[in-house]
């Protein structure tokens, strides 16, 4: 059942993004940014946690999950460090994901030689 919930949750988030691309004049970059901001807002309000419990990786892997992770990290850091946690919590909580994205981007750039094809 966990796999089905993850598939449905992640699929629904992706379908909403695709509908936004198809039916609005929003650029993909704005939609991606909106997903992160929505994850932060829903995480800060405590509304994203039930979705994470139900959808598992279907809720934490998409960009809304990244925003949720940022909000959760800030909340925990503020509890432990006070107001300084506002600046450190989000990056500390998501450091693994950010580092993995950078490493994989460098590896792909080395393997596939991106650049201007003119």
N, C-alpha and C. Protein backbone atom coordinates (compact mmCIF):
# COMPACT_ATOMS: atom_id res chain seq x y z
N UNK A 1 0.82 -1.19 0.00
CA UNK A 1 0.00 0.00 0.00
C UNK A 1 0.87 1.26 0.00
N UNK A 2 2.05 1.16 0.60
CA UNK A 2 2.95 2.33 0.63
C UNK A 2 3.33 2.77 -0.78
N UNK A 3 3.60 1.79 -1.64
CA UNK A 3 3.99 2.12 -3.01
C UNK A 3 2.84 2.78 -3.77
N UNK A 4 1.65 2.28 -3.56
CA UNK A 4 0.48 2.86 -4.23
C UNK A 4 0.25 4.29 -3.77
N UNK A 5 0.34 4.53 -2.45
CA UNK A 5 0.17 5.88 -1.92
C UNK A 5 1.24 6.83 -2.47
N UNK A 6 2.49 6.35 -2.51
CA UNK A 6 3.58 7.19 -3.03
C UNK A 6 3.34 7.51 -4.51
N UNK A 7 2.91 6.51 -5.26
CA UNK A 7 2.65 6.71 -6.68
C UNK A 7 1.51 7.71 -6.89
N UNK A 8 0.43 7.55 -6.12
CA UNK A 8 -0.71 8.46 -6.27
C UNK A 8 -0.36 9.89 -5.85
N UNK A 9 0.36 10.03 -4.75
CA UNK A 9 0.73 11.36 -4.26
C UNK A 9 1.67 12.06 -5.22
N UNK A 10 2.75 11.38 -5.60
CA UNK A 10 3.71 11.96 -6.53
C UNK A 10 3.09 12.21 -7.89
N UNK A 11 2.26 11.28 -8.34
CA UNK A 11 1.59 11.44 -9.63
C UNK A 11 0.64 12.62 -9.64
N UNK A 12 -0.06 12.82 -8.53
CA UNK A 12 -0.97 13.96 -8.44
C UNK A 12 -0.21 15.28 -8.47
N UNK A 13 0.90 15.35 -7.74
CA UNK A 13 1.71 16.58 -7.75
C UNK A 13 2.26 16.85 -9.15
N UNK A 14 2.70 15.81 -9.84
CA UNK A 14 3.22 15.99 -11.20
C UNK A 14 2.10 16.36 -12.17
N UNK A 15 0.92 15.77 -12.00
CA UNK A 15 -0.20 16.09 -12.88
C UNK A 15 -0.62 17.54 -12.72
N UNK A 16 -0.63 18.03 -11.49
CA UNK A 16 -0.97 19.45 -11.27
C UNK A 16 0.05 20.34 -11.97
N UNK A 17 1.34 19.99 -11.85
CA UNK A 17 2.38 20.76 -12.54
C UNK A 17 2.19 20.75 -14.04
N UNK A 18 1.85 19.58 -14.60
CA UNK A 18 1.64 19.48 -16.05
C UNK A 18 0.44 20.30 -16.49
N UNK A 19 -0.62 20.29 -15.70
CA UNK A 19 -1.80 21.10 -16.02
C UNK A 19 -1.44 22.58 -15.99
N UNK A 20 -0.64 22.99 -15.01
CA UNK A 20 -0.21 24.39 -14.96
C UNK A 20 0.62 24.77 -16.18
N UNK A 21 1.46 23.85 -16.64
CA UNK A 21 2.26 24.13 -17.84
C UNK A 21 1.36 24.24 -19.06
N UNK A 22 0.40 23.32 -19.18
CA UNK A 22 -0.45 23.27 -20.38
C UNK A 22 -1.49 24.37 -20.43
N UNK A 23 -2.07 24.74 -19.30
CA UNK A 23 -3.23 25.61 -19.29
C UNK A 23 -2.96 27.05 -18.86
N UNK A 24 -1.76 27.36 -18.41
CA UNK A 24 -1.45 28.72 -18.00
C UNK A 24 -0.23 29.22 -18.78
N UNK A 25 0.05 30.48 -18.62
CA UNK A 25 1.23 31.05 -19.28
C UNK A 25 2.44 31.04 -18.34
N UNK A 26 2.33 30.33 -17.22
CA UNK A 26 3.46 30.24 -16.30
C UNK A 26 4.61 29.46 -16.92
N UNK A 27 5.82 29.93 -16.70
CA UNK A 27 6.98 29.21 -17.20
C UNK A 27 7.28 28.05 -16.25
N UNK A 28 7.96 27.02 -16.73
CA UNK A 28 8.33 25.91 -15.84
C UNK A 28 9.14 26.38 -14.62
N UNK A 29 10.00 27.37 -14.81
CA UNK A 29 10.79 27.87 -13.68
C UNK A 29 9.90 28.47 -12.60
N UNK A 30 8.86 29.18 -13.00
CA UNK A 30 7.94 29.77 -12.01
C UNK A 30 7.12 28.69 -11.32
N UNK A 31 6.75 27.67 -12.05
CA UNK A 31 5.99 26.57 -11.45
C UNK A 31 6.87 25.83 -10.44
N UNK A 32 8.12 25.57 -10.80
CA UNK A 32 9.03 24.89 -9.87
C UNK A 32 9.25 25.72 -8.62
N UNK A 33 9.44 27.01 -8.79
CA UNK A 33 9.60 27.90 -7.64
C UNK A 33 8.33 27.93 -6.80
N UNK A 34 7.20 27.95 -7.45
CA UNK A 34 5.92 27.92 -6.74
C UNK A 34 5.74 26.65 -5.94
N UNK A 35 6.20 25.52 -6.47
CA UNK A 35 6.13 24.26 -5.74
C UNK A 35 6.98 24.31 -4.47
N UNK A 36 8.18 24.86 -4.58
CA UNK A 36 9.04 24.96 -3.39
C UNK A 36 8.40 25.87 -2.35
N UNK A 37 7.90 27.02 -2.78
CA UNK A 37 7.26 27.96 -1.85
C UNK A 37 6.02 27.34 -1.23
N UNK A 38 5.23 26.62 -2.03
CA UNK A 38 4.05 25.95 -1.48
C UNK A 38 4.45 24.91 -0.44
N UNK A 39 5.52 24.19 -0.68
CA UNK A 39 6.00 23.23 0.31
C UNK A 39 6.44 23.89 1.60
N UNK A 40 7.11 25.04 1.48
CA UNK A 40 7.53 25.79 2.67
C UNK A 40 6.31 26.26 3.45
N UNK A 41 5.34 26.86 2.75
CA UNK A 41 4.15 27.38 3.43
C UNK A 41 3.33 26.27 4.07
N UNK A 42 3.10 25.20 3.33
CA UNK A 42 2.33 24.09 3.89
C UNK A 42 3.08 23.41 5.04
N UNK A 43 4.40 23.33 4.93
CA UNK A 43 5.20 22.77 6.02
C UNK A 43 5.19 23.66 7.24
N UNK A 44 5.27 24.96 7.04
CA UNK A 44 5.26 25.90 8.17
C UNK A 44 3.92 25.89 8.88
N UNK A 45 2.84 25.67 8.14
CA UNK A 45 1.51 25.64 8.75
C UNK A 45 1.15 24.27 9.32
N UNK A 46 2.03 23.29 9.10
CA UNK A 46 1.77 21.95 9.61
C UNK A 46 0.81 21.13 8.76
N UNK A 47 0.54 21.59 7.55
CA UNK A 47 -0.41 20.90 6.68
C UNK A 47 0.25 19.86 5.77
N UNK A 48 1.56 19.92 5.62
CA UNK A 48 2.24 19.00 4.71
C UNK A 48 2.61 17.69 5.40
N UNK A 49 2.74 17.71 6.72
CA UNK A 49 3.12 16.51 7.47
C UNK A 49 2.14 15.35 7.27
N UNK A 50 0.82 15.58 7.32
CA UNK A 50 -0.10 14.45 7.05
C UNK A 50 0.07 13.89 5.64
N UNK A 51 0.37 14.75 4.67
CA UNK A 51 0.61 14.28 3.31
C UNK A 51 1.87 13.42 3.24
N UNK A 52 2.90 13.80 3.97
CA UNK A 52 4.14 13.02 4.02
C UNK A 52 3.88 11.66 4.67
N UNK A 53 3.09 11.65 5.73
CA UNK A 53 2.78 10.38 6.40
C UNK A 53 1.99 9.45 5.48
N UNK A 54 1.08 10.01 4.67
CA UNK A 54 0.28 9.19 3.78
C UNK A 54 1.06 8.83 2.51
N UNK A 55 1.68 9.82 1.88
CA UNK A 55 2.30 9.61 0.57
C UNK A 55 3.75 9.19 0.59
N UNK A 56 4.41 9.28 1.72
CA UNK A 56 5.81 8.88 1.81
C UNK A 56 6.69 9.60 0.81
N UNK A 57 7.44 8.81 0.03
CA UNK A 57 8.36 9.39 -0.95
C UNK A 57 7.63 10.16 -2.05
N UNK A 58 6.37 9.85 -2.28
CA UNK A 58 5.59 10.61 -3.26
C UNK A 58 5.38 12.05 -2.84
N UNK A 59 5.53 12.32 -1.55
CA UNK A 59 5.39 13.69 -1.05
C UNK A 59 6.73 14.33 -0.76
N UNK A 60 7.74 13.54 -0.43
CA UNK A 60 9.03 14.13 -0.04
C UNK A 60 10.00 14.30 -1.19
N UNK A 61 9.86 13.53 -2.26
CA UNK A 61 10.80 13.63 -3.38
C UNK A 61 10.55 14.83 -4.28
N UNK A 62 9.28 15.17 -4.62
CA UNK A 62 9.06 16.35 -5.48
C UNK A 62 9.51 17.65 -4.82
N UNK A 63 9.47 18.71 -5.56
CA UNK A 63 9.96 20.00 -5.05
C UNK A 63 9.16 20.52 -3.88
N UNK A 64 7.91 20.15 -3.76
CA UNK A 64 7.16 20.53 -2.57
C UNK A 64 7.78 19.90 -1.33
N UNK A 65 8.30 18.71 -1.47
CA UNK A 65 8.99 18.04 -0.36
C UNK A 65 10.26 18.76 0.02
N UNK A 66 10.96 19.35 -0.95
CA UNK A 66 12.16 20.13 -0.65
C UNK A 66 11.78 21.35 0.18
N UNK A 67 10.71 22.02 -0.22
CA UNK A 67 10.24 23.17 0.55
C UNK A 67 9.81 22.78 1.95
N UNK A 68 9.12 21.65 2.06
CA UNK A 68 8.71 21.14 3.37
C UNK A 68 9.94 20.85 4.23
N UNK A 69 10.96 20.26 3.63
CA UNK A 69 12.20 19.95 4.36
C UNK A 69 12.87 21.23 4.85
N UNK A 70 12.87 22.27 4.04
CA UNK A 70 13.43 23.56 4.46
C UNK A 70 12.69 24.11 5.67
N UNK A 71 11.36 24.10 5.60
CA UNK A 71 10.55 24.63 6.71
C UNK A 71 10.75 23.80 7.97
N UNK A 72 10.80 22.50 7.82
CA UNK A 72 11.00 21.61 8.98
C UNK A 72 12.37 21.85 9.61
N UNK A 73 13.39 22.03 8.79
CA UNK A 73 14.73 22.31 9.30
C UNK A 73 14.80 23.63 10.05
N UNK A 74 14.15 24.65 9.52
CA UNK A 74 14.13 25.95 10.19
C UNK A 74 13.41 25.84 11.52
N UNK A 75 12.28 25.15 11.54
CA UNK A 75 11.52 24.99 12.77
C UNK A 75 12.36 24.30 13.86
N UNK A 76 13.05 23.22 13.48
CA UNK A 76 13.89 22.49 14.44
C UNK A 76 15.07 23.33 14.91
N UNK A 77 15.70 24.06 13.98
CA UNK A 77 16.86 24.88 14.34
C UNK A 77 16.47 26.04 15.24
N UNK A 78 15.31 26.64 15.00
CA UNK A 78 14.85 27.73 15.87
C UNK A 78 14.59 27.21 17.27
N UNK A 79 14.05 26.00 17.37
CA UNK A 79 13.81 25.39 18.68
C UNK A 79 15.12 25.17 19.44
N UNK A 80 16.17 24.75 18.72
CA UNK A 80 17.45 24.43 19.35
C UNK A 80 18.35 25.65 19.54
N UNK A 81 18.41 26.54 18.55
CA UNK A 81 19.39 27.62 18.54
C UNK A 81 18.78 29.00 18.71
N UNK A 82 17.49 29.11 18.71
CA UNK A 82 16.86 30.42 18.76
C UNK A 82 16.76 31.01 17.36
N UNK A 83 16.72 32.33 17.32
CA UNK A 83 16.51 33.02 16.05
C UNK A 83 17.61 32.80 15.02
N UNK A 84 18.79 32.41 15.45
CA UNK A 84 19.87 32.13 14.50
C UNK A 84 19.49 30.94 13.60
N UNK A 85 18.63 30.07 14.11
CA UNK A 85 18.19 28.90 13.35
C UNK A 85 17.44 29.25 12.08
N UNK A 86 16.90 30.46 11.99
CA UNK A 86 16.21 30.88 10.77
C UNK A 86 17.18 30.84 9.58
N UNK A 87 18.42 31.21 9.84
CA UNK A 87 19.40 31.30 8.76
C UNK A 87 20.11 29.97 8.50
N UNK A 88 20.18 29.10 9.50
CA UNK A 88 20.97 27.87 9.35
C UNK A 88 20.13 26.62 9.17
N UNK A 89 18.91 26.60 9.67
CA UNK A 89 18.12 25.37 9.72
C UNK A 89 17.77 24.78 8.38
N UNK A 90 17.35 25.60 7.44
CA UNK A 90 16.94 25.08 6.14
C UNK A 90 18.07 24.43 5.38
N UNK A 91 19.21 25.07 5.38
CA UNK A 91 20.35 24.51 4.66
C UNK A 91 20.91 23.28 5.36
N UNK A 92 20.90 23.27 6.68
CA UNK A 92 21.38 22.10 7.40
C UNK A 92 20.48 20.90 7.12
N UNK A 93 19.18 21.10 7.12
CA UNK A 93 18.25 20.00 6.89
C UNK A 93 18.31 19.45 5.48
N UNK A 94 18.62 20.30 4.51
CA UNK A 94 18.60 19.86 3.12
C UNK A 94 19.99 19.74 2.50
N UNK A 95 21.02 19.78 3.33
CA UNK A 95 22.39 19.75 2.81
C UNK A 95 22.68 18.49 2.00
N UNK A 96 22.19 17.34 2.44
CA UNK A 96 22.43 16.10 1.71
C UNK A 96 21.84 16.13 0.32
N UNK A 97 20.62 16.60 0.20
CA UNK A 97 19.97 16.68 -1.11
C UNK A 97 20.64 17.69 -2.03
N UNK A 98 21.05 18.82 -1.47
CA UNK A 98 21.72 19.84 -2.27
C UNK A 98 23.07 19.32 -2.75
N UNK A 99 23.82 18.67 -1.86
CA UNK A 99 25.13 18.13 -2.23
C UNK A 99 24.98 17.05 -3.31
N UNK A 100 23.98 16.18 -3.17
CA UNK A 100 23.76 15.14 -4.17
C UNK A 100 23.41 15.76 -5.52
N UNK A 101 22.58 16.79 -5.53
CA UNK A 101 22.22 17.44 -6.79
C UNK A 101 23.43 18.05 -7.47
N UNK A 102 24.31 18.68 -6.70
CA UNK A 102 25.51 19.28 -7.28
C UNK A 102 26.45 18.21 -7.82
N UNK A 103 26.66 17.15 -7.04
CA UNK A 103 27.57 16.08 -7.48
C UNK A 103 27.04 15.41 -8.75
N UNK A 104 25.76 15.07 -8.76
CA UNK A 104 25.20 14.42 -9.96
C UNK A 104 25.20 15.35 -11.16
N UNK A 105 25.01 16.64 -10.95
CA UNK A 105 25.07 17.59 -12.06
C UNK A 105 26.47 17.65 -12.65
N UNK A 106 27.48 17.65 -11.80
CA UNK A 106 28.87 17.67 -12.29
C UNK A 106 29.18 16.39 -13.04
N UNK A 107 28.77 15.25 -12.49
CA UNK A 107 29.02 13.97 -13.17
C UNK A 107 28.35 13.94 -14.54
N UNK A 108 27.09 14.38 -14.62
CA UNK A 108 26.39 14.38 -15.90
C UNK A 108 27.05 15.36 -16.88
N UNK A 109 27.52 16.50 -16.38
CA UNK A 109 28.19 17.46 -17.25
C UNK A 109 29.49 16.87 -17.80
N UNK A 110 30.20 16.12 -16.99
CA UNK A 110 31.43 15.49 -17.45
C UNK A 110 31.15 14.37 -18.45
N UNK A 111 30.09 13.62 -18.24
CA UNK A 111 29.78 12.50 -19.13
C UNK A 111 29.21 12.95 -20.46
N UNK A 112 28.40 13.98 -20.47
CA UNK A 112 27.66 14.32 -21.69
C UNK A 112 28.09 15.62 -22.36
N UNK A 113 29.07 16.31 -21.83
CA UNK A 113 29.63 17.51 -22.46
C UNK A 113 28.57 18.52 -22.89
N UNK A 114 27.85 19.13 -21.96
CA UNK A 114 26.85 20.10 -22.36
C UNK A 114 27.50 21.35 -22.93
N UNK A 115 26.77 22.09 -23.68
CA UNK A 115 27.30 23.34 -24.20
C UNK A 115 26.57 23.75 -25.46
N UNK A 116 26.99 24.84 -26.02
CA UNK A 116 26.40 25.37 -27.22
C UNK A 116 26.72 24.46 -28.39
N UNK A 117 25.73 24.08 -29.14
CA UNK A 117 25.93 23.13 -30.26
C UNK A 117 26.13 23.82 -31.60
N UNK A 118 26.31 25.13 -31.59
CA UNK A 118 26.49 25.85 -32.87
C UNK A 118 27.81 25.58 -33.49
